[in-house]
Amino acid sequence: MDNVGKIVSDPVYEVGDVIRILSVGDWLLTDLLQLEQKGIRACVGKEMSITEIDKWGGIWVGFGETIDELDGTSTYQGQSFIVEPDRIELLQQS
């Protein structure tokens, strides 16, 4: 079944699917610092890839970058957060 472009609440998502964040739940932001809240709110309307689906069916997305340090090491800096299926739109299946 092709669900691209549809908002679906059935567990049809897979890691690697590209989705658009339509909204985030207030429960997610409650205990976060203002800067973290701002970062997550900035994702609303953005296309992101699903990075994980946990054992409860939670859909995780993330963003970040790898920074090469002067000493030759690399550091990953980023965030990941969970979104509910009814708050996303499937854009591309993996």
PDB file of N, CA and C in Angstrom:
ATOM      1  N   MET A   1       0.842  -1.178   0.000  1.00  0.00           N
ATOM      2  CA  MET A   1       0.000   0.000   0.000  1.00  0.00           C
ATOM      3  C   MET A   1       0.884   1.237   0.000  1.00  0.00           C
ATOM      4  N   ASP A   2       0.574   2.182  -0.869  1.00  0.00           N
ATOM      5  CA  ASP A   2       1.372   3.390  -1.000  1.00  0.00           C
ATOM      6  C   ASP A   2       0.785   4.479  -0.111  1.00  0.00           C
ATOM      7  N   ASN A   3       1.537   4.889   0.919  1.00  0.00           N
ATOM      8  CA  ASN A   3       1.064   5.903   1.852  1.00  0.00           C
ATOM      9  C   ASN A   3       1.782   7.226   1.697  1.00  0.00           C
ATOM     10  N   VAL A   4       2.559   7.401   0.628  1.00  0.00           N
ATOM     11  CA  VAL A   4       3.301   8.638   0.436  1.00  0.00           C
ATOM     12  C   VAL A   4       2.321   9.797   0.309  1.00  0.00           C
ATOM     13  N   GLY A   5       2.596  10.878   1.043  1.00  0.00           N
ATOM     14  CA  GLY A   5       1.760  12.064   1.007  1.00  0.00           C
ATOM     15  C   GLY A   5       0.540  11.994   1.898  1.00  0.00           C
ATOM     16  N   LYS A   6       0.420  10.912   2.651  1.00  0.00           N
ATOM     17  CA  LYS A   6      -0.735  10.749   3.527  1.00  0.00           C
ATOM     18  C   LYS A   6      -0.290  10.785   4.985  1.00  0.00           C
ATOM     19  N   ILE A   7      -1.172  11.250   5.825  1.00  0.00           N
ATOM     20  CA  ILE A   7      -0.946  11.191   7.263  1.00  0.00           C
ATOM     21  C   ILE A   7      -1.584   9.900   7.729  1.00  0.00           C
ATOM     22  N   VAL A   8      -0.778   9.010   8.249  1.00  0.00           N
ATOM     23  CA  VAL A   8      -1.290   7.700   8.639  1.00  0.00           C
ATOM     24  C   VAL A   8      -0.918   7.420  10.079  1.00  0.00           C
ATOM     25  N   SER A   9      -1.797   6.725  10.760  1.00  0.00           N
ATOM     26  CA  SER A   9      -1.501   6.367  12.145  1.00  0.00           C
ATOM     27  C   SER A   9      -1.223   4.877  12.285  1.00  0.00           C
ATOM     28  N   ASP A  10      -1.323   4.127  11.207  1.00  0.00           N
ATOM     29  CA  ASP A  10      -0.989   2.710  11.245  1.00  0.00           C
ATOM     30  C   ASP A  10       0.522   2.553  11.270  1.00  0.00           C
ATOM     31  N   PRO A  11       1.026   1.476  11.850  1.00  0.00           N
ATOM     32  CA  PRO A  11       2.479   1.280  11.933  1.00  0.00           C
ATOM     33  C   PRO A  11       3.083   0.852  10.594  1.00  0.00           C
ATOM     34  N   VAL A  12       3.128   1.785   9.644  1.00  0.00           N
ATOM     35  CA  VAL A  12       3.653   1.488   8.315  1.00  0.00           C
ATOM     36  C   VAL A  12       5.027   2.086   8.090  1.00  0.00           C
ATOM     37  N   TYR A  13       5.566   2.733   9.090  1.00  0.00           N
ATOM     38  CA  TYR A  13       6.832   3.432   8.932  1.00  0.00           C
ATOM     39  C   TYR A  13       8.011   2.486   9.106  1.00  0.00           C
ATOM     40  N   GLU A  14       9.125   2.831   8.454  1.00  0.00           N
ATOM     41  CA  GLU A  14      10.368   2.072   8.577  1.00  0.00           C
ATOM     42  C   GLU A  14      11.525   3.053   8.737  1.00  0.00           C
ATOM     43  N   VAL A  15      12.590   2.572   9.356  1.00  0.00           N
ATOM     44  CA  VAL A  15      13.809   3.370   9.464  1.00  0.00           C
ATOM     45  C   VAL A  15      14.256   3.744   8.049  1.00  0.00           C
ATOM     46  N   GLY A  16      14.588   4.997   7.870  1.00  0.00           N
ATOM     47  CA  GLY A  16      15.015   5.499   6.564  1.00  0.00           C
ATOM     48  C   GLY A  16      13.918   6.226   5.805  1.00  0.00           C
ATOM     49  N   ASP A  17      12.653   6.020   6.185  1.00  0.00           N
ATOM     50  CA  ASP A  17      11.573   6.759   5.545  1.00  0.00           C
ATOM     51  C   ASP A  17      11.776   8.251   5.763  1.00  0.00           C
ATOM     52  N   VAL A  18      11.407   9.041   4.769  1.00  0.00           N
ATOM     53  CA  VAL A  18      11.476  10.494   4.877  1.00  0.00           C
ATOM     54  C   VAL A  18      10.079  10.999   5.231  1.00  0.00           C
ATOM     55  N   ILE A  19      10.020  11.789   6.276  1.00  0.00           N
ATOM     56  CA  ILE A  19       8.747  12.307   6.763  1.00  0.00           C
ATOM     57  C   ILE A  19       8.837  13.815   6.941  1.00  0.00           C
ATOM     58  N   ARG A  20       7.671  14.451   7.038  1.00  0.00           N
ATOM     59  CA  ARG A  20       7.619  15.867   7.380  1.00  0.00           C
ATOM     60  C   ARG A  20       6.996  15.959   8.769  1.00  0.00           C
ATOM     61  N   ILE A  21       7.608  16.750   9.643  1.00  0.00           N
ATOM     62  CA  ILE A  21       7.075  16.973  10.983  1.00  0.00           C
ATOM     63  C   ILE A  21       5.951  18.005  10.870  1.00  0.00           C
ATOM     64  N   LEU A  22       4.752  17.619  11.250  1.00  0.00           N
ATOM     65  CA  LEU A  22       3.605  18.527  11.190  1.00  0.00           C
ATOM     66  C   LEU A  22       3.423  19.303  12.487  1.00  0.00           C
ATOM     67  N   SER A  23       3.760  18.681  13.593  1.00  0.00           N
ATOM     68  CA  SER A  23       3.664  19.329  14.901  1.00  0.00           C
ATOM     69  C   SER A  23       4.403  18.463  15.913  1.00  0.00           C
ATOM     70  N   VAL A  24       4.639  19.022  17.085  1.00  0.00           N
ATOM     71  CA  VAL A  24       5.235  18.256  18.186  1.00  0.00           C
ATOM     72  C   VAL A  24       4.331  18.413  19.407  1.00  0.00           C
ATOM     73  N   GLY A  25       4.278  17.372  20.203  1.00  0.00           N
ATOM     74  CA  GLY A  25       3.431  17.395  21.386  1.00  0.00           C
ATOM     75  C   GLY A  25       4.014  18.270  22.490  1.00  0.00           C
ATOM     76  N   ASP A  26       3.135  18.939  23.205  1.00  0.00           N
ATOM     77  CA  ASP A  26       3.575  19.770  24.330  1.00  0.00           C
ATOM     78  C   ASP A  26       4.303  18.935  25.376  1.00  0.00           C
ATOM     79  N   TRP A  27       3.903  17.681  25.546  1.00  0.00           N
ATOM     80  CA  TRP A  27       4.531  16.795  26.534  1.00  0.00           C
ATOM     81  C   TRP A  27       6.021  16.649  26.250  1.00  0.00           C
ATOM     82  N   LEU A  28       6.397  16.717  24.974  1.00  0.00           N
ATOM     83  CA  LEU A  28       7.801  16.551  24.593  1.00  0.00           C
ATOM     84  C   LEU A  28       8.646  17.736  25.044  1.00  0.00           C
ATOM     85  N   LEU A  29       8.075  18.901  25.060  1.00  0.00           N
ATOM     86  CA  LEU A  29       8.817  20.135  25.330  1.00  0.00           C
ATOM     87  C   LEU A  29       8.836  20.532  26.802  1.00  0.00           C
ATOM     88  N   THR A  30       7.948  19.981  27.592  1.00  0.00           N
ATOM     89  CA  THR A  30       7.706  20.422  28.967  1.00  0.00           C
ATOM     90  C   THR A  30       8.962  20.589  29.811  1.00  0.00           C
ATOM     91  N   ASP A  31       9.827  19.615  29.844  1.00  0.00           N
ATOM     92  CA  ASP A  31      10.986  19.651  30.745  1.00  0.00           C
ATOM     93  C   ASP A  31      12.284  20.070  30.057  1.00  0.00           C
ATOM     94  N   LEU A  32      12.195  20.588  28.850  1.00  0.00           N
ATOM     95  CA  LEU A  32      13.395  20.966  28.108  1.00  0.00           C
ATOM     96  C   LEU A  32      13.757  22.431  28.338  1.00  0.00           C
ATOM     97  N   LEU A  33      15.024  22.732  28.168  1.00  0.00           N
ATOM     98  CA  LEU A  33      15.478  24.118  28.196  1.00  0.00           C
ATOM     99  C   LEU A  33      14.891  24.870  27.004  1.00  0.00           C
ATOM    100  N   GLN A  34      14.770  26.183  27.124  1.00  0.00           N
ATOM    101  CA  GLN A  34      14.203  27.007  26.056  1.00  0.00           C
ATOM    102  C   GLN A  34      14.923  26.793  24.724  1.00  0.00           C
ATOM    103  N   LEU A  35      16.246  26.705  24.782  1.00  0.00           N
ATOM    104  CA  LEU A  35      17.022  26.504  23.557  1.00  0.00           C
ATOM    105  C   LEU A  35      16.684  25.177  22.894  1.00  0.00           C
ATOM    106  N   GLU A  36      16.517  24.130  23.699  1.00  0.00           N
ATOM    107  CA  GLU A  36      16.148  22.822  23.153  1.00  0.00           C
ATOM    108  C   GLU A  36      14.737  22.847  22.581  1.00  0.00           C
ATOM    109  N   GLN A  37      13.811  23.524  23.266  1.00  0.00           N
ATOM    110  CA  GLN A  37      12.447  23.659  22.759  1.00  0.00           C
ATOM    111  C   GLN A  37      12.443  24.357  21.405  1.00  0.00           C
ATOM    112  N   LYS A  38      13.240  25.419  21.311  1.00  0.00           N
ATOM    113  CA  LYS A  38      13.325  26.175  20.067  1.00  0.00           C
ATOM    114  C   LYS A  38      13.858  25.292  18.930  1.00  0.00           C
ATOM    115  N   GLY A  39      14.861  24.479  19.231  1.00  0.00           N
ATOM    116  CA  GLY A  39      15.435  23.592  18.221  1.00  0.00           C
ATOM    117  C   GLY A  39      14.427  22.571  17.710  1.00  0.00           C
ATOM    118  N   ILE A  40      13.639  22.012  18.623  1.00  0.00           N
ATOM    119  CA  ILE A  40      12.641  21.024  18.201  1.00  0.00           C
ATOM    120  C   ILE A  40      11.500  21.706  17.447  1.00  0.00           C
ATOM    121  N   ARG A  41      11.051  22.846  17.930  1.00  0.00           N
ATOM    122  CA  ARG A  41       9.984  23.574  17.220  1.00  0.00           C
ATOM    123  C   ARG A  41      10.424  23.973  15.810  1.00  0.00           C
ATOM    124  N   ALA A  42      11.703  24.241  15.630  1.00  0.00           N
ATOM    125  CA  ALA A  42      12.217  24.612  14.307  1.00  0.00           C
ATOM    126  C   ALA A  42      12.112  23.466  13.308  1.00  0.00           C
ATOM    127  N   CYS A  43      11.924  22.257  13.793  1.00  0.00           N
ATOM    128  CA  CYS A  43      11.798  21.094  12.914  1.00  0.00           C
ATOM    129  C   CYS A  43      10.407  20.960  12.313  1.00  0.00           C
ATOM    130  N   VAL A  44       9.431  21.655  12.872  1.00  0.00           N
ATOM    131  CA  VAL A  44       8.071  21.587  12.339  1.00  0.00           C
ATOM    132  C   VAL A  44       8.083  22.121  10.905  1.00  0.00           C
ATOM    133  N   GLY A  45       7.543  21.334   9.995  1.00  0.00           N
ATOM    134  CA  GLY A  45       7.533  21.685   8.579  1.00  0.00           C
ATOM    135  C   GLY A  45       8.725  21.158   7.809  1.00  0.00           C
ATOM    136  N   LYS A  46       9.722  20.636   8.513  1.00  0.00           N
ATOM    137  CA  LYS A  46      10.950  20.142   7.878  1.00  0.00           C
ATOM    138  C   LYS A  46      10.829  18.669   7.482  1.00  0.00           C
ATOM    139  N   GLU A  47      11.595  18.297   6.472  1.00  0.00           N
ATOM    140  CA  GLU A  47      11.719  16.903   6.077  1.00  0.00           C
ATOM    141  C   GLU A  47      12.853  16.274   6.880  1.00  0.00           C
ATOM    142  N   MET A  48      12.591  15.108   7.435  1.00  0.00           N
ATOM    143  CA  MET A  48      13.600  14.403   8.218  1.00  0.00           C
ATOM    144  C   MET A  48      13.474  12.912   7.937  1.00  0.00           C
ATOM    145  N   SER A  49      14.540  12.187   8.211  1.00  0.00           N
ATOM    146  CA  SER A  49      14.511  10.735   8.067  1.00  0.00           C
ATOM    147  C   SER A  49      14.285  10.081   9.414  1.00  0.00           C
ATOM    148  N   ILE A  50      13.545   8.993   9.393  1.00  0.00           N
ATOM    149  CA  ILE A  50      13.350   8.215  10.607  1.00  0.00           C
ATOM    150  C   ILE A  50      14.650   7.485  10.913  1.00  0.00           C
ATOM    151  N   THR A  51      15.169   7.684  12.120  1.00  0.00           N
ATOM    152  CA  THR A  51      16.437   7.055  12.495  1.00  0.00           C
ATOM    153  C   THR A  51      16.244   5.809  13.341  1.00  0.00           C
ATOM    154  N   GLU A  52      15.074   5.698  13.973  1.00  0.00           N
ATOM    155  CA  GLU A  52      14.817   4.545  14.844  1.00  0.00           C
ATOM    156  C   GLU A  52      13.320   4.421  15.075  1.00  0.00           C
ATOM    157  N   ILE A  53      12.871   3.190  15.227  1.00  0.00           N
ATOM    158  CA  ILE A  53      11.525   2.919  15.714  1.00  0.00           C
ATOM    159  C   ILE A  53      11.713   2.031  16.931  1.00  0.00           C
ATOM    160  N   ASP A  54      11.332   2.547  18.091  1.00  0.00           N
ATOM    161  CA  ASP A  54      11.602   1.801  19.323  1.00  0.00           C
ATOM    162  C   ASP A  54      10.604   0.650  19.515  1.00  0.00           C
ATOM    163  N   LYS A  55      10.816  -0.136  20.545  1.00  0.00           N
ATOM    164  CA  LYS A  55      10.005  -1.337  20.738  1.00  0.00           C
ATOM    165  C   LYS A  55       8.551  -1.020  21.071  1.00  0.00           C
ATOM    166  N   TRP A  56       8.246   0.235  21.380  1.00  0.00           N
ATOM    167  CA  TRP A  56       6.870   0.651  21.639  1.00  0.00           C
ATOM    168  C   TRP A  56       6.239   1.290  20.414  1.00  0.00           C
ATOM    169  N   GLY A  57       6.982   1.328  19.306  1.00  0.00           N
ATOM    170  CA  GLY A  57       6.479   1.940  18.085  1.00  0.00           C
ATOM    171  C   GLY A  57       6.749   3.421  17.992  1.00  0.00           C
ATOM    172  N   GLY A  58       7.535   3.967  18.933  1.00  0.00           N
ATOM    173  CA  GLY A  58       7.883   5.386  18.886  1.00  0.00           C
ATOM    174  C   GLY A  58       8.777   5.679  17.696  1.00  0.00           C
ATOM    175  N   ILE A  59       8.475   6.741  16.992  1.00  0.00           N
ATOM    176  CA  ILE A  59       9.223   7.128  15.794  1.00  0.00           C
ATOM    177  C   ILE A  59      10.228   8.205  16.188  1.00  0.00           C
ATOM    178  N   TRP A  60      11.504   7.913  15.963  1.00  0.00           N
ATOM    179  CA  TRP A  60      12.588   8.826  16.331  1.00  0.00           C
ATOM    180  C   TRP A  60      13.185   9.444  15.076  1.00  0.00           C
ATOM    181  N   VAL A  61      13.396  10.746  15.146  1.00  0.00           N
ATOM    182  CA  VAL A  61      14.091  11.477  14.086  1.00  0.00           C
ATOM    183  C   VAL A  61      15.281  12.178  14.716  1.00  0.00           C
ATOM    184  N   GLY A  62      16.230  12.543  13.909  1.00  0.00           N
ATOM    185  CA  GLY A  62      17.409  13.197  14.453  1.00  0.00           C
ATOM    186  C   GLY A  62      18.062  14.104  13.433  1.00  0.00           C
ATOM    187  N   PHE A  63      18.894  14.957  13.944  1.00  0.00           N
ATOM    188  CA  PHE A  63      19.673  15.847  13.096  1.00  0.00           C
ATOM    189  C   PHE A  63      20.975  16.154  13.812  1.00  0.00           C
ATOM    190  N   GLY A  64      21.973  16.450  13.049  1.00  0.00           N
ATOM    191  CA  GLY A  64      23.264  16.773  13.638  1.00  0.00           C
ATOM    192  C   GLY A  64      24.343  16.792  12.581  1.00  0.00           C
ATOM    193  N   GLU A  65      25.566  16.886  13.070  1.00  0.00           N
ATOM    194  CA  GLU A  65      26.705  16.920  12.154  1.00  0.00           C
ATOM    195  C   GLU A  65      27.941  16.391  12.855  1.00  0.00           C
ATOM    196  N   THR A  66      28.857  15.897  12.053  1.00  0.00           N
ATOM    197  CA  THR A  66      30.139  15.448  12.563  1.00  0.00           C
ATOM    198  C   THR A  66      31.141  16.572  12.373  1.00  0.00           C
ATOM    199  N   ILE A  67      31.844  16.908  13.448  1.00  0.00           N
ATOM    200  CA  ILE A  67      32.822  17.997  13.412  1.00  0.00           C
ATOM    201  C   ILE A  67      34.210  17.400  13.566  1.00  0.00           C
ATOM    202  N   ASP A  68      35.070  17.686  12.606  1.00  0.00           N
ATOM    203  CA  ASP A  68      36.460  17.240  12.676  1.00  0.00           C
ATOM    204  C   ASP A  68      37.243  18.185  13.577  1.00  0.00           C
ATOM    205  N   GLU A  69      37.850  17.620  14.595  1.00  0.00           N
ATOM    206  CA  GLU A  69      38.609  18.410  15.567  1.00  0.00           C
ATOM    207  C   GLU A  69      40.047  18.605  15.079  1.00  0.00           C
ATOM    208  N   LEU A  70      40.731  19.583  15.635  1.00  0.00           N
ATOM    209  CA  LEU A  70      42.113  19.867  15.242  1.00  0.00           C
ATOM    210  C   LEU A  70      43.064  18.729  15.588  1.00  0.00           C
ATOM    211  N   ASP A  71      42.719  17.936  16.611  1.00  0.00           N
ATOM    212  CA  ASP A  71      43.598  16.838  17.013  1.00  0.00           C
ATOM    213  C   ASP A  71      43.382  15.565  16.192  1.00  0.00           C
ATOM    214  N   GLY A  72      42.559  15.652  15.129  1.00  0.00           N
ATOM    215  CA  GLY A  72      42.346  14.494  14.263  1.00  0.00           C
ATOM    216  C   GLY A  72      41.140  13.643  14.647  1.00  0.00           C
ATOM    217  N   THR A  73      40.522  13.920  15.751  1.00  0.00           N
ATOM    218  CA  THR A  73      39.327  13.177  16.147  1.00  0.00           C
ATOM    219  C   THR A  73      38.088  13.856  15.568  1.00  0.00           C
ATOM    220  N   SER A  74      36.990  13.174  15.654  1.00  0.00           N
ATOM    221  CA  SER A  74      35.709  13.726  15.203  1.00  0.00           C
ATOM    222  C   SER A  74      34.709  13.647  16.335  1.00  0.00           C
ATOM    223  N   THR A  75      33.837  14.610  16.380  1.00  0.00           N
ATOM    224  CA  THR A  75      32.793  14.657  17.388  1.00  0.00           C
ATOM    225  C   THR A  75      31.461  14.835  16.692  1.00  0.00           C
ATOM    226  N   TYR A  76      30.476  14.030  17.101  1.00  0.00           N
ATOM    227  CA  TYR A  76      29.126  14.188  16.572  1.00  0.00           C
ATOM    228  C   TYR A  76      28.313  15.048  17.539  1.00  0.00           C
ATOM    229  N   GLN A  77      27.674  16.062  17.011  1.00  0.00           N
ATOM    230  CA  GLN A  77      26.801  16.901  17.813  1.00  0.00           C
ATOM    231  C   GLN A  77      25.434  16.914  17.159  1.00  0.00           C
ATOM    232  N   GLY A  78      24.427  16.617  17.947  1.00  0.00           N
ATOM    233  CA  GLY A  78      23.093  16.607  17.377  1.00  0.00           C
ATOM    234  C   GLY A  78      22.048  16.279  18.410  1.00  0.00           C
ATOM    235  N   GLN A  79      20.843  16.143  17.940  1.00  0.00           N
ATOM    236  CA  GLN A  79      19.708  15.845  18.791  1.00  0.00           C
ATOM    237  C   GLN A  79      18.857  14.790  18.106  1.00  0.00           C
ATOM    238  N   SER A  80      18.133  14.061  18.899  1.00  0.00           N
ATOM    239  CA  SER A  80      17.093  13.195  18.364  1.00  0.00           C
ATOM    240  C   SER A  80      15.893  13.324  19.279  1.00  0.00           C
ATOM    241  N   PHE A  81      14.726  13.113  18.723  1.00  0.00           N
ATOM    242  CA  PHE A  81      13.511  13.182  19.516  1.00  0.00           C
ATOM    243  C   PHE A  81      12.445  12.298  18.887  1.00  0.00           C
ATOM    244  N   ILE A  82      11.425  12.039  19.673  1.00  0.00           N
ATOM    245  CA  ILE A  82      10.354  11.144  19.259  1.00  0.00           C
ATOM    246  C   ILE A  82       9.166  11.966  18.768  1.00  0.00           C
ATOM    247  N   VAL A  83       8.502  11.445  17.751  1.00  0.00           N
ATOM    248  CA  VAL A  83       7.273  12.072  17.258  1.00  0.00           C
ATOM    249  C   VAL A  83       6.188  11.005  17.151  1.00  0.00           C
ATOM    250  N   GLU A  84       4.972  11.430  17.370  1.00  0.00           N
ATOM    251  CA  GLU A  84       3.849  10.505  17.256  1.00  0.00           C
ATOM    252  C   GLU A  84       3.445  10.371  15.785  1.00  0.00           C
ATOM    253  N   PRO A  85       2.963   9.203  15.393  1.00  0.00           N
ATOM    254  CA  PRO A  85       2.589   8.983  13.988  1.00  0.00           C
ATOM    255  C   PRO A  85       1.560   9.979  13.452  1.00  0.00           C
ATOM    256  N   ASP A  86       0.670  10.471  14.304  1.00  0.00           N
ATOM    257  CA  ASP A  86      -0.344  11.410  13.818  1.00  0.00           C
ATOM    258  C   ASP A  86       0.176  12.837  13.688  1.00  0.00           C
ATOM    259  N   ARG A  87       1.458  13.035  13.965  1.00  0.00           N
ATOM    260  CA  ARG A  87       2.058  14.361  13.845  1.00  0.00           C
ATOM    261  C   ARG A  87       3.081  14.429  12.713  1.00  0.00           C
ATOM    262  N   ILE A  88       3.067  13.422  11.829  1.00  0.00           N
ATOM    263  CA  ILE A  88       4.000  13.395  10.722  1.00  0.00           C
ATOM    264  C   ILE A  88       3.285  13.043   9.421  1.00  0.00           C
ATOM    265  N   GLU A  89       3.925  13.372   8.313  1.00  0.00           N
ATOM    266  CA  GLU A  89       3.439  13.027   6.987  1.00  0.00           C
ATOM    267  C   GLU A  89       4.531  12.244   6.279  1.00  0.00           C
ATOM    268  N   LEU A  90       4.199  11.109   5.718  1.00  0.00           N
ATOM    269  CA  LEU A  90       5.166  10.294   4.992  1.00  0.00           C
ATOM    270  C   LEU A  90       5.402  10.901   3.615  1.00  0.00           C
ATOM    271  N   LEU A  91       6.662  11.189   3.296  1.00  0.00           N
ATOM    272  CA  LEU A  91       7.026  11.777   2.005  1.00  0.00           C
ATOM    273  C   LEU A  91       7.662  10.769   1.069  1.00  0.00           C
ATOM    274  N   GLN A  92       8.467   9.866   1.632  1.00  0.00           N
ATOM    275  CA  GLN A  92       9.167   8.885   0.796  1.00  0.00           C
ATOM    276  C   GLN A  92       9.449   7.651   1.621  1.00  0.00           C
ATOM    277  N   GLN A  93       9.061   6.500   1.098  1.00  0.00           N
ATOM    278  CA  GLN A  93       9.366   5.255   1.778  1.00  0.00           C
ATOM    279  C   GLN A  93      10.768   4.800   1.418  1.00  0.00           C
ATOM    280  N   SER A  94      11.446   4.173   2.389  1.00  0.00           N
ATOM    281  CA  SER A  94      12.824   3.734   2.150  1.00  0.00           C
ATOM    282  C   SER A  94      12.852   2.456   1.340  1.00  0.00           C
TER     283      SER A  94
END
